[in-house]
């Protein structure tokens, strides 16, 4: 199971390297369901994985001049404040609530990846950055990161394009800086009350980083749009699975009963239509 967990972590890194986001949303389910890590420890460990992988991936963008440092540091600082608060709050919330919120985040990420509407291109860069808007957005996105351990790249990039006036390529590079900063802050909040199993956290992080480097080298060589949609459907199924796992047994029983009754009614209606069609054919001269 340990090797399977490392393989899954590497694939998460590949997704991050290819898409610039989305892969980190699978870190918590992998740690919970494959590695058997308790939910709150899994969220903290996910924050470590996301922070390190994003920071390493950001190095290449920085060398290429695709990081707007002033915008990224302002957004990142605001995100750190929100993520640190989320990291302090998360350990005191019920695990079921955290996993349900995480499942909702997975569904939102999956829908964003499946639809993949092109982010509106930025107009001319603002002479003055709308600092208050960027700070508010950063705190909100950071709070989500701190609570559920997801990088939220699909939220950060559009915010940087629309609020910061950044070109798309620069927004992707800058978002990696922002994600690394706020993930570290969220981790710091969790570490106040949640211990980490470093013997598992370090190998998983190393595997994710290796996958991220591999994914970055594959970018541009494959049809990323088709792969993104397929990956989005996979995340959607996983999110539904996590959500079902957190539903109360009585609610699940009622849902399955309603589904079974609906399917039975549909089957009866189809059978009745087929019987009527056969009767009409027999009666025709």
Foldseek 3Di string as FASTA:
>chain_A
DLVVLLVLLLQLLLCCLAPLFLSLLCQQVSCCVVVVDPNLLSLLLSLVLLLVLLVLSLVVCVVVVLAPVVLLVLLLVLLLVLLLVLLQVQVVDDSLVLLLLSLVVLQVSLVCLQVVDPQDAFDPFDPDQPSVQSSVLSNVQSNSCLNRVGLPLVSQLSCCCPRGRHGNSSSSSSSSSSSNSSSVSSSVNNVVPDDHPCVSSVSSSVSSNNSNVVSNVCHPVDDSSVVSNVVSVVSNVVSVVSNLVSDDPVVNVVVVVVVVVVVVVVVVVVVVVVVVVVVVVVPDD
